[in-house]
């Protein structure tokens, strides 16, 4: 093998190592973003539930709409109070 070939192989391995590190970082960033989105979505849902109950909708109906138990709807309404 020539020195050029060895140098190219070394550079390729180094770039592959760096790429793996970047892929890990992107994975972590995506996981954090997904967790934030889930949390935001849940807060919005909770506010929608609270608003519906405050406007006079029965908690049992709201529970059916959101696929929750009536007890959970009650907890959400109290939590956001």
C-alpha atoms as a PDB file:
ATOM      1  CA  UNK A   1       0.000   0.000   0.000  1.00  0.00           C
ATOM      2  CA  UNK A   2       1.177   3.428  -0.793  1.00  0.00           C
ATOM      3  CA  UNK A   3       1.303   6.267   1.687  1.00  0.00           C
ATOM      4  CA  UNK A   4      -1.572   7.963  -0.166  1.00  0.00           C
ATOM      5  CA  UNK A   5      -3.781   4.897   0.215  1.00  0.00           C
ATOM      6  CA  UNK A   6      -3.000   4.643   3.935  1.00  0.00           C
ATOM      7  CA  UNK A   7      -3.731   8.332   4.371  1.00  0.00           C
ATOM      8  CA  UNK A   8      -7.053   8.006   2.540  1.00  0.00           C
ATOM      9  CA  UNK A   9      -8.058   4.995   4.633  1.00  0.00           C
ATOM     10  CA  UNK A  10      -7.165   6.858   7.817  1.00  0.00           C
ATOM     11  CA  UNK A  11      -9.169   9.915   6.738  1.00  0.00           C
ATOM     12  CA  UNK A  12     -12.162   7.755   5.792  1.00  0.00           C
ATOM     13  CA  UNK A  13     -12.124   6.006   9.183  1.00  0.00           C
ATOM     14  CA  UNK A  14     -11.817   9.342  10.959  1.00  0.00           C
ATOM     15  CA  UNK A  15     -14.751  10.786   9.003  1.00  0.00           C
ATOM     16  CA  UNK A  16     -16.843   7.678   9.737  1.00  0.00           C
ATOM     17  CA  UNK A  17     -16.068   8.058  13.450  1.00  0.00           C
ATOM     18  CA  UNK A  18     -17.073  11.718  13.372  1.00  0.00           C
ATOM     19  CA  UNK A  19     -20.251  10.885  11.459  1.00  0.00           C
ATOM     20  CA  UNK A  20     -21.262   8.322  14.090  1.00  0.00           C
ATOM     21  CA  UNK A  21     -20.770  10.961  16.779  1.00  0.00           C
ATOM     22  CA  UNK A  22     -22.933  13.431  14.872  1.00  0.00           C
ATOM     23  CA  UNK A  23     -25.623  10.797  14.368  1.00  0.00           C
ATOM     24  CA  UNK A  24     -25.682  10.161  18.124  1.00  0.00           C
ATOM     25  CA  UNK A  25     -26.018  13.895  18.799  1.00  0.00           C
ATOM     26  CA  UNK A  26     -28.871  14.190  16.305  1.00  0.00           C
ATOM     27  CA  UNK A  27     -30.585  11.226  17.959  1.00  0.00           C
ATOM     28  CA  UNK A  28     -30.350  12.899  21.361  1.00  0.00           C
ATOM     29  CA  UNK A  29     -31.633  16.213  19.981  1.00  0.00           C
ATOM     30  CA  UNK A  30     -34.558  14.441  18.320  1.00  0.00           C
ATOM     31  CA  UNK A  31     -35.401  12.582  21.544  1.00  0.00           C
ATOM     32  CA  UNK A  32     -35.412  15.837  23.523  1.00  0.00           C
ATOM     33  CA  UNK A  33     -37.544  17.535  20.874  1.00  0.00           C
ATOM     34  CA  UNK A  34     -40.022  14.669  20.840  1.00  0.00           C
ATOM     35  CA  UNK A  35     -40.313  14.779  24.629  1.00  0.00           C
ATOM     36  CA  UNK A  36     -40.981  18.527  24.522  1.00  0.00           C
ATOM     37  CA  UNK A  37     -43.573  18.103  21.785  1.00  0.00           C
ATOM     38  CA  UNK A  38     -45.332  15.382  23.744  1.00  0.00           C
ATOM     39  CA  UNK A  39     -45.351  17.539  26.852  1.00  0.00           C
ATOM     40  CA  UNK A  40     -46.683  20.531  24.914  1.00  0.00           C
ATOM     41  CA  UNK A  41     -49.365  18.411  23.245  1.00  0.00           C
ATOM     42  CA  UNK A  42     -50.483  17.084  26.620  1.00  0.00           C
ATOM     43  CA  UNK A  43     -50.658  20.592  28.099  1.00  0.00           C
ATOM     44  CA  UNK A  44     -52.762  21.769  25.169  1.00  0.00           C
ATOM     45  CA  UNK A  45     -55.074  18.783  25.559  1.00  0.00           C
ATOM     46  CA  UNK A  46     -55.418  19.494  29.275  1.00  0.00           C
ATOM     47  CA  UNK A  47     -56.287  23.133  28.565  1.00  0.00           C
ATOM     48  CA  UNK A  48     -58.888  22.057  26.004  1.00  0.00           C
ATOM     49  CA  UNK A  49     -60.419  19.719  28.577  1.00  0.00           C
ATOM     50  CA  UNK A  50     -60.447  22.416  31.255  1.00  0.00           C
ATOM     51  CA  UNK A  51     -62.021  24.921  28.848  1.00  0.00           C
ATOM     52  CA  UNK A  52     -64.743  22.483  27.813  1.00  0.00           C
ATOM     53  CA  UNK A  53     -65.623  21.707  31.426  1.00  0.00           C
ATOM     54  CA  UNK A  54     -65.639  25.391  32.394  1.00  0.00           C
ATOM     55  CA  UNK A  55     -68.000  26.068  29.476  1.00  0.00           C
ATOM     56  CA  UNK A  56     -70.423  23.519  30.895  1.00  0.00           C
ATOM     57  CA  UNK A  57     -69.688  20.246  29.124  1.00  0.00           C
ATOM     58  CA  UNK A  58     -70.204  17.205  31.356  1.00  0.00           C
ATOM     59  CA  UNK A  59     -66.970  15.590  32.461  1.00  0.00           C
ATOM     60  CA  UNK A  60     -68.258  12.150  31.447  1.00  0.00           C
ATOM     61  CA  UNK A  61     -68.754  13.346  27.871  1.00  0.00           C
ATOM     62  CA  UNK A  62     -65.337  14.970  27.785  1.00  0.00           C
ATOM     63  CA  UNK A  63     -63.839  11.725  29.084  1.00  0.00           C
ATOM     64  CA  UNK A  64     -65.445   9.803  26.199  1.00  0.00           C
ATOM     65  CA  UNK A  65     -64.248  12.333  23.618  1.00  0.00           C
ATOM     66  CA  UNK A  66     -60.647  12.211  24.827  1.00  0.00           C
ATOM     67  CA  UNK A  67     -60.671   8.494  25.655  1.00  0.00           C
ATOM     68  CA  UNK A  68     -59.982   9.155  29.330  1.00  0.00           C
ATOM     69  CA  UNK A  69     -61.648   8.067  32.522  1.00  0.00           C
ATOM     70  CA  UNK A  70     -63.973  10.562  34.202  1.00  0.00           C
ATOM     71  CA  UNK A  71     -61.630  10.504  37.206  1.00  0.00           C
ATOM     72  CA  UNK A  72     -58.702  11.565  35.042  1.00  0.00           C
ATOM     73  CA  UNK A  73     -60.725  14.437  33.581  1.00  0.00           C
ATOM     74  CA  UNK A  74     -61.542  15.527  37.120  1.00  0.00           C
ATOM     75  CA  UNK A  75     -57.836  15.427  38.034  1.00  0.00           C
ATOM     76  CA  UNK A  76     -56.932  17.521  34.993  1.00  0.00           C
ATOM     77  CA  UNK A  77     -59.584  20.115  35.794  1.00  0.00           C
ATOM     78  CA  UNK A  78     -58.383  20.388  39.399  1.00  0.00           C
ATOM     79  CA  UNK A  79     -54.720  20.457  38.389  1.00  0.00           C
ATOM     80  CA  UNK A  80     -55.190  23.384  36.031  1.00  0.00           C
ATOM     81  CA  UNK A  81     -57.546  25.277  38.355  1.00  0.00           C
END
